């Protein structure tokens, strides 16, 4: 494995708050969760060796809604559906 350059910070060190990365530290502090690393994302970037982080941000304002139709019956088209409301 090649040596880590001064600009290449191990992701684990950022997540454990041992090291500060200007972008990843801010993202983690704002609720982003690391899902993994993406190899060969930007192959020409020597500082990251072509890797990128895959992050997830959960939208706390999102609420899943489910609907259930009682007594389902067949309809022939939208006009017939509209009369059932």
C-alpha atoms as a PDB file:
ATOM      1  CA  UNK A   1       0.000   0.000   0.000  1.00  0.00           C
ATOM      2  CA  UNK A   2       1.411   3.418  -0.948  1.00  0.00           C
ATOM      3  CA  UNK A   3       2.252   5.930   1.756  1.00  0.00           C
ATOM      4  CA  UNK A   4      -0.443   8.438   2.676  1.00  0.00           C
ATOM      5  CA  UNK A   5       0.346  11.956   1.503  1.00  0.00           C
ATOM      6  CA  UNK A   6      -0.113  15.042   3.653  1.00  0.00           C
ATOM      7  CA  UNK A   7      -3.305  15.860   1.762  1.00  0.00           C
ATOM      8  CA  UNK A   8      -4.725  12.308   2.035  1.00  0.00           C
ATOM      9  CA  UNK A   9      -6.470  11.968   5.398  1.00  0.00           C
ATOM     10  CA  UNK A  10      -7.753   8.532   6.446  1.00  0.00           C
ATOM     11  CA  UNK A  11     -11.548   8.644   6.689  1.00  0.00           C
ATOM     12  CA  UNK A  12     -11.506   6.741   9.985  1.00  0.00           C
ATOM     13  CA  UNK A  13      -9.444   9.527  11.582  1.00  0.00           C
ATOM     14  CA  UNK A  14     -12.016  12.120  10.533  1.00  0.00           C
ATOM     15  CA  UNK A  15     -14.946  10.038  11.795  1.00  0.00           C
ATOM     16  CA  UNK A  16     -13.202   9.528  15.149  1.00  0.00           C
ATOM     17  CA  UNK A  17     -12.455  13.290  15.290  1.00  0.00           C
ATOM     18  CA  UNK A  18      -8.690  12.681  15.457  1.00  0.00           C
ATOM     19  CA  UNK A  19      -8.120  14.681  12.277  1.00  0.00           C
ATOM     20  CA  UNK A  20      -9.937  17.510  10.529  1.00  0.00           C
ATOM     21  CA  UNK A  21     -10.768  17.379   6.837  1.00  0.00           C
ATOM     22  CA  UNK A  22     -12.301  20.701   5.710  1.00  0.00           C
ATOM     23  CA  UNK A  23     -15.162  19.074   3.796  1.00  0.00           C
ATOM     24  CA  UNK A  24     -15.820  15.705   5.442  1.00  0.00           C
ATOM     25  CA  UNK A  25     -15.633  17.083   9.006  1.00  0.00           C
ATOM     26  CA  UNK A  26     -18.342  19.643   8.212  1.00  0.00           C
ATOM     27  CA  UNK A  27     -20.541  17.063   6.508  1.00  0.00           C
ATOM     28  CA  UNK A  28     -20.297  14.577   9.390  1.00  0.00           C
ATOM     29  CA  UNK A  29     -20.979  17.377  11.895  1.00  0.00           C
ATOM     30  CA  UNK A  30     -24.189  18.172   9.982  1.00  0.00           C
ATOM     31  CA  UNK A  31     -25.562  14.646  10.157  1.00  0.00           C
ATOM     32  CA  UNK A  32     -24.156  13.018   7.045  1.00  0.00           C
ATOM     33  CA  UNK A  33     -23.284   9.325   7.473  1.00  0.00           C
ATOM     34  CA  UNK A  34     -20.480   7.627   5.578  1.00  0.00           C
ATOM     35  CA  UNK A  35     -21.837   4.744   3.519  1.00  0.00           C
ATOM     36  CA  UNK A  36     -18.576   3.771   1.852  1.00  0.00           C
ATOM     37  CA  UNK A  37     -15.787   4.766  -0.483  1.00  0.00           C
ATOM     38  CA  UNK A  38     -16.067   4.947  -4.262  1.00  0.00           C
ATOM     39  CA  UNK A  39     -12.844   3.846  -5.995  1.00  0.00           C
ATOM     40  CA  UNK A  40     -11.847   5.339  -9.371  1.00  0.00           C
ATOM     41  CA  UNK A  41     -14.414   8.143  -9.006  1.00  0.00           C
ATOM     42  CA  UNK A  42     -11.933  10.771 -10.184  1.00  0.00           C
ATOM     43  CA  UNK A  43      -8.822   8.848 -11.300  1.00  0.00           C
ATOM     44  CA  UNK A  44      -6.802  11.971 -12.140  1.00  0.00           C
ATOM     45  CA  UNK A  45      -7.004  13.326  -8.566  1.00  0.00           C
ATOM     46  CA  UNK A  46      -3.710  12.261  -7.030  1.00  0.00           C
ATOM     47  CA  UNK A  47      -4.524  13.743  -3.593  1.00  0.00           C
ATOM     48  CA  UNK A  48      -7.450  11.364  -3.072  1.00  0.00           C
ATOM     49  CA  UNK A  49      -6.005   8.590  -5.231  1.00  0.00           C
ATOM     50  CA  UNK A  50      -9.224   8.787  -7.225  1.00  0.00           C
ATOM     51  CA  UNK A  51     -11.511   7.915  -4.291  1.00  0.00           C
ATOM     52  CA  UNK A  52     -14.712   9.699  -3.269  1.00  0.00           C
ATOM     53  CA  UNK A  53     -16.930   9.257  -0.227  1.00  0.00           C
ATOM     54  CA  UNK A  54     -20.498   8.050  -0.497  1.00  0.00           C
ATOM     55  CA  UNK A  55     -22.512   9.958   2.100  1.00  0.00           C
ATOM     56  CA  UNK A  56     -26.128   9.717   3.218  1.00  0.00           C
ATOM     57  CA  UNK A  57     -28.139  12.555   4.688  1.00  0.00           C
ATOM     58  CA  UNK A  58     -31.469  11.629   6.208  1.00  0.00           C
ATOM     59  CA  UNK A  59     -34.113  14.287   5.726  1.00  0.00           C
ATOM     60  CA  UNK A  60     -35.710  14.609   9.165  1.00  0.00           C
ATOM     61  CA  UNK A  61     -38.678  16.450   7.635  1.00  0.00           C
ATOM     62  CA  UNK A  62     -39.599  13.454   5.436  1.00  0.00           C
ATOM     63  CA  UNK A  63     -42.466  11.312   6.703  1.00  0.00           C
ATOM     64  CA  UNK A  64     -43.572   8.247   4.783  1.00  0.00           C
ATOM     65  CA  UNK A  65     -47.320   8.044   4.297  1.00  0.00           C
ATOM     66  CA  UNK A  66     -49.210   4.872   3.482  1.00  0.00           C
ATOM     67  CA  UNK A  67     -52.738   4.616   2.120  1.00  0.00           C
ATOM     68  CA  UNK A  68     -55.005   1.587   2.038  1.00  0.00           C
ATOM     69  CA  UNK A  69     -58.123   1.260  -0.064  1.00  0.00           C
ATOM     70  CA  UNK A  70     -60.996  -0.572   1.586  1.00  0.00           C
ATOM     71  CA  UNK A  71     -63.391  -2.587  -0.630  1.00  0.00           C
ATOM     72  CA  UNK A  72     -61.320  -2.387  -3.804  1.00  0.00           C
ATOM     73  CA  UNK A  73     -63.410  -2.710  -6.939  1.00  0.00           C
ATOM     74  CA  UNK A  74     -62.599  -2.647 -10.634  1.00  0.00           C
ATOM     75  CA  UNK A  75     -63.099   0.539 -12.631  1.00  0.00           C
ATOM     76  CA  UNK A  76     -63.088   1.061 -16.377  1.00  0.00           C
ATOM     77  CA  UNK A  77     -61.351   4.456 -16.478  1.00  0.00           C
ATOM     78  CA  UNK A  78     -60.540   7.697 -14.723  1.00  0.00           C
ATOM     79  CA  UNK A  79     -64.030   9.137 -15.185  1.00  0.00           C
ATOM     80  CA  UNK A  80     -65.515   6.213 -13.258  1.00  0.00           C
ATOM     81  CA  UNK A  81     -62.825   6.618 -10.587  1.00  0.00           C
ATOM     82  CA  UNK A  82     -63.619  10.317 -10.214  1.00  0.00           C
ATOM     83  CA  UNK A  83     -67.260   9.539  -9.453  1.00  0.00           C
ATOM     84  CA  UNK A  84     -66.283   7.385  -6.455  1.00  0.00           C
ATOM     85  CA  UNK A  85     -64.783  10.268  -4.504  1.00  0.00           C
END
